[in-house]
Amino acid sequence: MTSDDKHDYASTGRSHVPAESGEVEQIGERRGMFGASGSGDTSGYGGLVAPIEYPGPSDRPYGPSTGSGGTGWFDDVADALATRLGESGIETAVEKVVVHRGEITFHVRREDLLTVARHLRDDPDLRFELLSGVSGVHYPDDTDRELHAVYHLLSMTHNRRIRLEVGCPDTDRHLPSLVPVYPTADWHERETWDMFGIEFDGHPALARILMPDDWPGHPQRKDYPLGGIPVEYKGGSIPPPDQRRSYN
């Protein structure tokens, strides 16, 4: 594929090439292949050092281009949402907008999440009627935003998909529940709390959904122990990495 071909693909929103230099934000670095430390390196990849990055904010127009000078529906959604937020007096609710690999994500302040969600659901120019999932992410090096919740929204009226992303500090793991706006968030928020420890305030019954009720900790956090956790109902245990067999 030539450079011109890549530009044409990027302009139509179908690009799957990596982001250009300067379009990412570094929030830390990863050493080794698997992130484990303190154990014998049997992989040969222990000396690797790689940056932890995610895409930076995008500039207008967001695209993707539809030809004839058009900018596509990304800008239509952003404009409609900005208008409604202005009318509500919370123009700064959206901290940044990221367009990456043909998809758009709105990063929202947690205190404005419920208002943003209601506008996205109810405004006739938006009509994102369905919340199809809630994902948790743990970035230990993202200071004061170590925990992220990502909401996947679908407009069946306009056949569009967007994401909302909200961050909170590890010392204050609270986000407002979206169950009052999107009832489908119920079990998704329970799973995100179970795996990552994010407390969704206002949830009707925030309880574990995958792990036993008395399970300590949240297994998908990046600071969760990799071993030494008793195997439920079996009486055995897996030793921590620094106690496992290593090879010279």
Protein backbone atom coordinates (compact mmCIF):
# COMPACT_ATOMS: atom_id res chain seq x y z
CA MET A 1 0.00 0.00 0.00
CA THR A 2 1.42 3.38 -0.97
CA SER A 3 1.45 6.45 1.26
CA ASP A 4 -1.34 7.93 -0.89
CA ASP A 5 -3.42 4.80 -0.39
CA LYS A 6 -2.96 5.05 3.39
CA HIS A 7 -4.06 8.69 3.30
CA ASP A 8 -7.18 7.75 1.32
CA TYR A 9 -8.03 5.01 3.81
CA ALA A 10 -7.49 7.34 6.76
CA SER A 11 -9.70 10.02 5.23
CA THR A 12 -12.60 7.57 4.95
CA GLY A 13 -12.30 6.26 8.51
CA ARG A 14 -11.18 2.77 7.42
CA SER A 15 -7.57 3.07 8.52
CA HIS A 16 -6.02 0.38 10.69
CA VAL A 17 -2.46 1.71 10.53
CA PRO A 18 -0.81 2.81 13.79
CA ALA A 19 -1.26 6.38 15.01
CA GLU A 20 1.28 8.89 13.78
CA SER A 21 3.97 10.11 16.17
CA GLY A 22 2.65 12.80 18.50
CA GLU A 23 -0.91 11.44 18.49
CA VAL A 24 -0.48 9.41 21.69
CA GLU A 25 -0.14 10.12 25.42
CA GLN A 26 2.35 8.13 27.48
CA ILE A 27 1.20 7.25 31.00
CA GLY A 28 3.97 4.89 32.05
CA GLU A 29 6.17 2.06 30.87
CA ARG A 30 6.08 -1.71 30.98
CA ARG A 31 9.14 -3.87 31.64
CA GLY A 32 9.35 -7.43 30.42
CA MET A 33 6.79 -9.25 28.32
CA PHE A 34 4.16 -10.10 30.93
CA GLY A 35 4.53 -7.45 33.64
CA ALA A 36 5.65 -9.89 36.36
CA SER A 37 8.65 -9.05 38.53
CA GLY A 38 10.69 -10.78 41.21
CA SER A 39 10.69 -14.18 39.49
CA GLY A 40 13.23 -16.03 37.38
CA ASP A 41 12.97 -14.93 33.77
CA THR A 42 12.28 -18.05 31.72
CA SER A 43 10.90 -16.21 28.68
CA GLY A 44 13.96 -14.32 27.49
CA TYR A 45 11.89 -11.13 27.25
CA GLY A 46 12.67 -9.73 30.71
CA GLY A 47 14.82 -6.92 29.33
CA LEU A 48 12.09 -5.37 27.20
CA VAL A 49 11.00 -1.83 28.05
CA ALA A 50 7.89 -0.50 26.27
CA PRO A 51 5.88 2.72 26.80
CA ILE A 52 2.29 2.48 27.98
CA GLU A 53 0.37 4.77 25.63
CA TYR A 54 -3.12 5.63 24.56
CA PRO A 55 -4.35 7.99 21.84
CA GLY A 56 -4.28 11.71 22.59
CA PRO A 57 -7.14 14.17 22.00
CA SER A 58 -8.28 14.76 18.42
CA ASP A 59 -8.76 18.06 16.62
CA ARG A 60 -11.74 19.14 14.56
CA PRO A 61 -13.03 18.03 12.17
CA TYR A 62 -13.33 14.59 13.72
CA GLY A 63 -14.45 12.89 10.50
CA PRO A 64 -14.57 10.36 9.04
CA SER A 65 -14.86 12.21 5.74
CA THR A 66 -17.88 11.44 3.60
CA GLY A 67 -16.56 13.21 0.51
CA SER A 68 -17.69 16.49 -1.02
CA GLY A 69 -16.19 18.38 1.91
CA GLY A 70 -18.34 16.60 4.50
CA THR A 71 -17.03 15.64 7.92
CA GLY A 72 -19.35 12.71 8.69
CA TRP A 73 -21.51 12.12 11.74
CA PHE A 74 -18.79 12.34 14.42
CA ASP A 75 -18.99 16.13 14.28
CA ASP A 76 -22.80 16.03 14.17
CA VAL A 77 -22.87 14.06 17.43
CA ALA A 78 -20.22 16.27 19.05
CA ASP A 79 -22.08 19.44 18.04
CA ALA A 80 -25.48 18.19 19.23
CA LEU A 81 -24.02 17.07 22.56
CA ALA A 82 -22.14 20.36 23.03
CA THR A 83 -25.36 22.30 22.40
CA ARG A 84 -27.30 20.31 25.03
CA LEU A 85 -24.50 20.57 27.58
CA GLY A 86 -24.33 24.33 27.02
CA GLU A 87 -28.04 24.59 27.69
CA SER A 88 -27.47 22.63 30.93
CA GLY A 89 -24.63 24.93 31.98
CA ILE A 90 -21.94 22.23 31.96
CA GLU A 91 -19.98 23.12 28.82
CA THR A 92 -16.84 21.52 30.32
CA ALA A 93 -18.43 18.11 30.93
CA VAL A 94 -16.48 16.58 28.02
CA GLU A 95 -12.78 16.74 28.88
CA LYS A 96 -11.55 15.56 25.48
CA VAL A 97 -12.63 13.69 22.37
CA VAL A 98 -10.48 10.92 20.91
CA VAL A 99 -10.92 9.57 17.39
CA HIS A 100 -8.79 6.49 16.82
CA ARG A 101 -9.04 3.72 14.23
CA GLY A 102 -12.37 5.02 12.93
CA GLU A 103 -14.05 5.12 16.37
CA ILE A 104 -14.93 8.05 18.63
CA THR A 105 -14.68 8.26 22.44
CA PHE A 106 -15.92 11.10 24.65
CA HIS A 107 -13.96 11.44 27.91
CA VAL A 108 -16.42 12.80 30.47
CA ARG A 109 -16.08 14.18 34.00
CA ARG A 110 -17.58 11.75 36.47
CA GLU A 111 -19.77 14.34 38.17
CA ASP A 112 -21.48 15.07 34.82
CA LEU A 113 -21.80 11.47 33.62
CA LEU A 114 -25.52 11.09 34.37
CA THR A 115 -26.44 14.35 32.65
CA VAL A 116 -24.37 13.49 29.58
CA ALA A 117 -25.96 10.04 29.38
CA ARG A 118 -29.50 11.47 29.57
CA HIS A 119 -28.78 13.90 26.74
CA LEU A 120 -27.28 11.13 24.62
CA ARG A 121 -30.35 8.97 25.19
CA ASP A 122 -33.12 11.56 24.88
CA ASP A 123 -32.01 14.17 22.35
CA PRO A 124 -33.62 13.47 18.94
CA ASP A 125 -30.37 14.30 17.15
CA LEU A 126 -28.50 11.76 19.28
CA ARG A 127 -30.83 8.94 20.37
CA PHE A 128 -28.26 6.53 21.82
CA GLU A 129 -30.97 4.28 23.23
CA LEU A 130 -28.89 1.24 24.17
CA LEU A 131 -25.95 0.78 26.52
CA SER A 132 -24.44 -2.48 25.30
CA GLY A 133 -21.64 -2.86 27.83
CA VAL A 134 -19.45 -1.39 30.58
CA SER A 135 -15.73 -2.16 30.63
CA GLY A 136 -13.22 -1.52 33.39
CA VAL A 137 -9.54 -0.62 32.87
CA HIS A 138 -6.76 -0.24 35.42
CA TYR A 139 -3.85 2.11 34.61
CA PRO A 140 -1.67 2.10 37.77
CA ASP A 141 0.59 4.85 36.35
CA ASP A 142 -2.23 7.22 35.32
CA THR A 143 -1.99 9.40 38.43
CA ASP A 144 -5.38 10.37 39.94
CA ARG A 145 -7.14 8.48 37.11
CA GLU A 146 -5.95 4.95 37.79
CA LEU A 147 -9.38 3.39 37.20
CA HIS A 148 -11.41 3.92 34.03
CA ALA A 149 -14.95 2.85 33.13
CA VAL A 150 -15.80 2.66 29.42
CA TYR A 151 -19.44 2.72 28.28
CA HIS A 152 -20.42 1.43 24.84
CA LEU A 153 -23.51 3.15 23.40
CA LEU A 154 -25.58 2.31 20.32
CA SER A 155 -28.09 4.51 18.50
CA MET A 156 -30.57 2.18 16.82
CA THR A 157 -32.34 5.21 15.36
CA HIS A 158 -29.24 6.52 13.55
CA ASN A 159 -27.15 3.30 13.42
CA ARG A 160 -24.19 4.86 15.24
CA ARG A 161 -21.83 3.69 17.98
CA ILE A 162 -19.81 5.80 20.42
CA ARG A 163 -17.98 5.34 23.70
CA LEU A 164 -17.94 7.30 26.93
CA GLU A 165 -14.88 7.00 29.15
CA VAL A 166 -14.69 8.19 32.76
CA GLY A 167 -11.72 8.08 35.12
CA CYS A 168 -11.48 8.10 38.91
CA PRO A 169 -8.57 7.91 41.37
CA ASP A 170 -7.66 4.66 43.09
CA THR A 171 -8.17 6.42 46.43
CA ASP A 172 -11.77 7.37 45.54
CA ARG A 173 -13.21 4.57 43.43
CA HIS A 174 -16.69 6.04 42.99
CA LEU A 175 -18.70 6.67 39.83
CA PRO A 176 -22.44 7.35 39.49
CA SER A 177 -24.44 4.34 38.36
CA LEU A 178 -26.07 4.60 34.92
CA VAL A 179 -28.79 2.09 35.79
CA PRO A 180 -31.39 4.93 36.21
CA VAL A 181 -30.70 5.97 32.59
CA TYR A 182 -29.76 2.62 31.02
CA PRO A 183 -31.16 -0.40 32.92
CA THR A 184 -28.86 -2.66 30.87
CA ALA A 185 -25.96 -1.28 32.93
CA ASP A 186 -27.10 -3.35 35.93
CA TRP A 187 -25.06 -6.55 35.52
CA HIS A 188 -22.28 -4.82 33.55
CA GLU A 189 -21.59 -2.47 36.48
CA ARG A 190 -21.68 -5.41 38.87
CA GLU A 191 -19.05 -7.20 36.79
CA THR A 192 -16.87 -4.08 36.58
CA TRP A 193 -17.05 -3.66 40.35
CA ASP A 194 -16.33 -7.37 40.89
CA MET A 195 -13.25 -7.36 38.63
CA PHE A 196 -11.86 -3.82 39.21
CA GLY A 197 -13.37 -2.48 42.46
CA ILE A 198 -15.15 0.58 41.02
CA GLU A 199 -18.08 1.54 43.26
CA PHE A 200 -21.13 2.58 41.23
CA ASP A 201 -23.09 4.88 43.54
CA GLY A 202 -26.85 4.45 43.23
CA HIS A 203 -26.70 0.93 41.83
CA PRO A 204 -29.75 -1.06 43.04
CA ALA A 205 -27.78 -4.14 44.16
CA LEU A 206 -24.01 -3.85 43.74
CA ALA A 207 -22.81 -7.37 44.54
CA ARG A 208 -20.34 -9.82 43.08
CA ILE A 209 -21.47 -11.51 39.91
CA LEU A 210 -18.52 -13.78 38.99
CA MET A 211 -16.47 -14.33 42.14
CA PRO A 212 -17.77 -15.80 45.43
CA ASP A 213 -19.34 -13.23 47.73
CA ASP A 214 -16.48 -13.44 50.24
CA TRP A 215 -13.67 -13.27 47.66
CA PRO A 216 -10.95 -10.76 48.67
CA GLY A 217 -9.81 -8.23 46.09
CA HIS A 218 -10.62 -7.63 42.43
CA PRO A 219 -8.87 -10.06 40.06
CA GLN A 220 -8.45 -7.95 36.90
CA ARG A 221 -6.57 -5.12 38.56
CA LYS A 222 -2.94 -4.95 37.49
CA ASP A 223 -1.80 -4.97 41.13
CA TYR A 224 -3.69 -8.18 41.94
CA PRO A 225 -1.41 -11.06 43.06
CA LEU A 226 -0.54 -13.50 40.28
CA GLY A 227 -0.30 -16.50 42.59
CA GLY A 228 -0.59 -17.74 46.14
CA ILE A 229 -4.39 -17.44 46.05
CA PRO A 230 -6.14 -20.50 47.56
CA VAL A 231 -8.02 -22.54 44.99
CA GLU A 232 -11.66 -22.46 46.06
CA TYR A 233 -13.19 -25.81 47.11
CA LYS A 234 -9.99 -27.74 46.33
CA GLY A 235 -7.74 -27.03 49.29
CA GLY A 236 -4.72 -26.35 47.06
CA SER A 237 -2.90 -23.14 46.19
CA ILE A 238 -0.78 -21.66 43.42
CA PRO A 239 2.57 -20.31 44.66
CA PRO A 240 3.47 -16.70 43.90
CA PRO A 241 5.79 -16.12 40.91
CA ASP A 242 8.94 -15.64 43.01
CA GLN A 243 8.46 -19.09 44.55
CA ARG A 244 7.88 -21.02 41.36
CA ARG A 245 10.53 -23.05 39.60
CA SER A 246 12.94 -20.96 37.49
CA TYR A 247 15.58 -21.94 34.97
CA ASN A 248 19.09 -20.62 34.48
